[in-house]
């Protein structure tokens, strides 16, 4: 909605959303738009509050995830662990801003994003593999349950693949047979 309003404002009043040199001020574009709307002071305060809430919740979520990883998967890491990671993240952001300004922070984010995106792709691939394996195990268990049900219903002596009622993969069954033969 705000993007459409900004475009309409620029079409109806050319240059009203641009800086003196004709460039767009990315950091202040939202507040420039609010200047042309009714109740601009209320909108400005609301935007600042929402931006603050966004940063606080993002920092808290990031600290929670880092704390969970650091404590070995504990769903509720101790408060001091979360505070430590919140402060460490804040110190890192301030150091990057002081060292090279916003461009250093952006460069660091882009530099970290490439390896992280590769890790995310590997996680997606591992999830697909896990779902396929789970589906195969479920299908095997369902077949074993059906065989057992049919056997009981018709009074047949039917054996399922193994004790759990799930048939073992061929490579595992042949390996176990080879070990059993080696013992004899």
Protein backbone atom coordinates (compact mmCIF):
# COMPACT_ATOMS: atom_id res chain seq x y z
CA UNK A 1 0.00 0.00 0.00
CA UNK A 2 2.74 2.46 0.90
CA UNK A 3 4.68 1.62 -2.26
CA UNK A 4 1.67 2.39 -4.42
CA UNK A 5 1.06 5.63 -2.54
CA UNK A 6 4.71 6.65 -3.01
CA UNK A 7 4.51 5.96 -6.76
CA UNK A 8 1.28 7.95 -7.02
CA UNK A 9 2.87 10.82 -5.08
CA UNK A 10 5.88 10.83 -7.41
CA UNK A 11 3.67 10.75 -10.53
CA UNK A 12 1.36 13.54 -9.34
CA UNK A 13 4.14 15.69 -7.84
CA UNK A 14 7.42 14.86 -9.63
CA UNK A 15 10.49 15.21 -7.44
CA UNK A 16 8.60 15.27 -4.15
CA UNK A 17 10.08 11.93 -3.07
CA UNK A 18 13.60 12.63 -4.37
CA UNK A 19 16.60 14.34 -2.85
CA UNK A 20 17.95 17.61 -4.29
CA UNK A 21 20.40 15.74 -6.55
CA UNK A 22 17.63 13.47 -7.93
CA UNK A 23 18.55 10.39 -5.91
CA UNK A 24 16.28 8.46 -3.57
CA UNK A 25 17.16 8.65 0.11
CA UNK A 26 16.72 4.99 1.05
CA UNK A 27 17.05 5.56 4.78
CA UNK A 28 14.46 8.34 4.89
CA UNK A 29 12.06 7.40 2.08
CA UNK A 30 9.39 6.10 4.45
CA UNK A 31 9.45 9.27 6.50
CA UNK A 32 9.42 11.43 3.36
CA UNK A 33 6.27 9.60 2.32
CA UNK A 34 4.70 10.20 5.73
CA UNK A 35 5.25 13.97 5.30
CA UNK A 36 2.70 13.93 2.47
CA UNK A 37 0.07 11.95 4.39
CA UNK A 38 -2.44 13.15 6.96
CA UNK A 39 -1.49 12.43 10.59
CA UNK A 40 2.16 12.20 9.59
CA UNK A 41 3.41 12.56 13.18
CA UNK A 42 1.30 9.62 14.37
CA UNK A 43 2.50 7.51 11.43
CA UNK A 44 6.13 8.42 12.14
CA UNK A 45 5.85 7.43 15.81
CA UNK A 46 4.04 4.22 14.83
CA UNK A 47 6.74 3.34 12.28
CA UNK A 48 9.52 3.94 14.82
CA UNK A 49 7.73 1.76 17.39
CA UNK A 50 7.21 -1.04 14.84
CA UNK A 51 10.84 -0.87 13.70
CA UNK A 52 11.96 -1.06 17.34
CA UNK A 53 9.71 -4.08 17.98
CA UNK A 54 11.10 -5.73 14.86
CA UNK A 55 14.70 -5.27 16.01
CA UNK A 56 14.00 -6.45 19.56
CA UNK A 57 12.13 -9.60 18.48
CA UNK A 58 14.74 -10.39 15.83
CA UNK A 59 17.57 -10.03 18.34
CA UNK A 60 15.71 -12.15 20.89
CA UNK A 61 14.98 -14.88 18.34
CA UNK A 62 18.57 -14.88 17.15
CA UNK A 63 19.87 -15.10 20.72
CA UNK A 64 17.46 -17.95 21.44
CA UNK A 65 18.63 -19.94 18.41
CA UNK A 66 22.31 -19.32 19.16
CA UNK A 67 21.70 -20.29 22.79
CA UNK A 68 19.93 -23.49 21.75
CA UNK A 69 22.83 -24.43 19.49
CA UNK A 70 25.42 -23.58 22.16
CA UNK A 71 23.65 -25.63 24.84
CA UNK A 72 23.32 -28.72 22.68
CA UNK A 73 19.70 -28.30 21.61
CA UNK A 74 18.16 -27.25 24.92
CA UNK A 75 14.79 -25.72 24.01
CA UNK A 76 15.02 -23.23 26.89
CA UNK A 77 18.64 -22.11 27.34
CA UNK A 78 19.44 -20.26 30.54
CA UNK A 79 18.83 -16.55 30.64
CA UNK A 80 22.54 -15.65 30.93
CA UNK A 81 23.26 -17.62 27.72
CA UNK A 82 20.64 -15.64 25.82
CA UNK A 83 21.88 -12.35 27.30
CA UNK A 84 25.45 -13.25 26.33
CA UNK A 85 24.51 -13.91 22.70
CA UNK A 86 22.36 -10.78 22.56
CA UNK A 87 25.26 -8.66 23.82
CA UNK A 88 27.76 -10.43 21.54
CA UNK A 89 25.57 -9.72 18.52
CA UNK A 90 25.12 -6.08 19.55
CA UNK A 91 28.87 -5.62 20.09
CA UNK A 92 29.60 -7.16 16.69
CA UNK A 93 27.08 -4.87 14.96
CA UNK A 94 28.42 -1.77 16.72
CA UNK A 95 32.02 -2.74 15.88
CA UNK A 96 31.15 -3.19 12.22
CA UNK A 97 29.30 0.13 12.14
CA UNK A 98 32.21 1.96 13.79
CA UNK A 99 34.81 0.26 11.59
CA UNK A 100 33.28 1.04 8.24
CA UNK A 101 29.77 2.33 8.66
CA UNK A 102 26.73 0.82 7.05
CA UNK A 103 28.70 -0.42 4.03
CA UNK A 104 30.88 -2.62 6.28
CA UNK A 105 27.78 -4.07 7.91
CA UNK A 106 26.23 -4.76 4.50
CA UNK A 107 29.46 -6.32 3.22
CA UNK A 108 29.65 -8.59 6.26
CA UNK A 109 26.03 -9.67 5.79
CA UNK A 110 26.60 -10.47 2.11
CA UNK A 111 29.87 -12.29 2.85
CA UNK A 112 28.21 -14.46 5.49
CA UNK A 113 25.14 -15.10 3.32
CA UNK A 114 26.89 -17.21 0.65
CA UNK A 115 28.22 -19.98 2.91
CA UNK A 116 25.01 -19.89 4.91
CA UNK A 117 22.92 -20.33 1.75
CA UNK A 118 24.98 -23.40 0.84
CA UNK A 119 24.35 -24.82 4.32
CA UNK A 120 20.63 -24.09 3.91
CA UNK A 121 20.55 -25.92 0.56
CA UNK A 122 22.25 -28.93 2.17
CA UNK A 123 19.70 -28.85 4.98
CA UNK A 124 16.87 -28.81 2.42
CA UNK A 125 18.39 -31.78 0.61
CA UNK A 126 18.81 -33.68 3.89
CA UNK A 127 15.18 -32.98 4.74
CA UNK A 128 14.03 -34.42 1.41
CA UNK A 129 16.14 -37.54 2.01
CA UNK A 130 14.75 -37.91 5.54
CA UNK A 131 11.17 -37.61 4.30
CA UNK A 132 11.79 -40.26 1.63
CA UNK A 133 13.29 -42.65 4.19
CA UNK A 134 10.44 -42.05 6.59
CA UNK A 135 7.92 -42.74 3.83
CA UNK A 136 9.65 -46.04 2.94
CA UNK A 137 9.65 -47.13 6.59
CA UNK A 138 5.99 -46.20 6.90
CA UNK A 139 5.10 -48.13 3.73
CA UNK A 140 7.00 -51.18 4.95
CA UNK A 141 5.29 -51.07 8.32
CA UNK A 142 1.92 -50.70 6.65
CA UNK A 143 2.59 -53.70 4.37
CA UNK A 144 3.75 -55.80 7.32
CA UNK A 145 0.64 -54.85 9.26
CA UNK A 146 -1.54 -55.79 6.27
CA UNK A 147 0.22 -59.16 5.90
CA UNK A 148 -0.28 -59.84 9.60
CA UNK A 149 -3.94 -58.84 9.43
CA UNK A 150 -4.61 -61.00 6.37
CA UNK A 151 -2.79 -63.91 8.00
CA UNK A 152 -4.84 -63.60 11.18
CA UNK A 153 -8.09 -63.13 9.27
CA UNK A 154 -7.64 -66.23 7.11
CA UNK A 155 -5.85 -68.27 9.75
CA UNK A 156 -2.58 -68.41 7.84
CA UNK A 157 0.85 -68.76 9.40
CA UNK A 158 2.53 -65.67 7.95
CA UNK A 159 5.85 -64.22 9.02
CA UNK A 160 6.62 -60.58 8.64
CA UNK A 161 10.08 -59.30 7.67
CA UNK A 162 11.50 -59.14 11.21
CA UNK A 163 10.49 -58.86 14.87
CA UNK A 164 9.19 -55.31 14.57
CA UNK A 165 6.99 -56.18 11.62
CA UNK A 166 9.06 -54.09 9.24
CA UNK A 167 11.00 -55.73 6.46
CA UNK A 168 14.72 -55.04 6.49
CA UNK A 169 16.45 -53.61 3.45
CA UNK A 170 18.09 -56.28 1.26
CA UNK A 171 21.62 -55.05 1.86
CA UNK A 172 21.12 -55.20 5.63
CA UNK A 173 19.49 -58.63 5.53
CA UNK A 174 22.31 -60.05 3.36
CA UNK A 175 24.92 -58.53 5.68
CA UNK A 176 23.26 -60.11 8.71
CA UNK A 177 23.05 -63.49 6.95
CA UNK A 178 26.76 -63.27 6.09
CA UNK A 179 27.64 -62.50 9.70
CA UNK A 180 25.50 -65.38 10.96
CA UNK A 181 27.16 -67.78 8.50
CA UNK A 182 30.61 -66.56 9.56
CA UNK A 183 29.80 -67.32 13.19
CA UNK A 184 28.78 -70.90 12.38
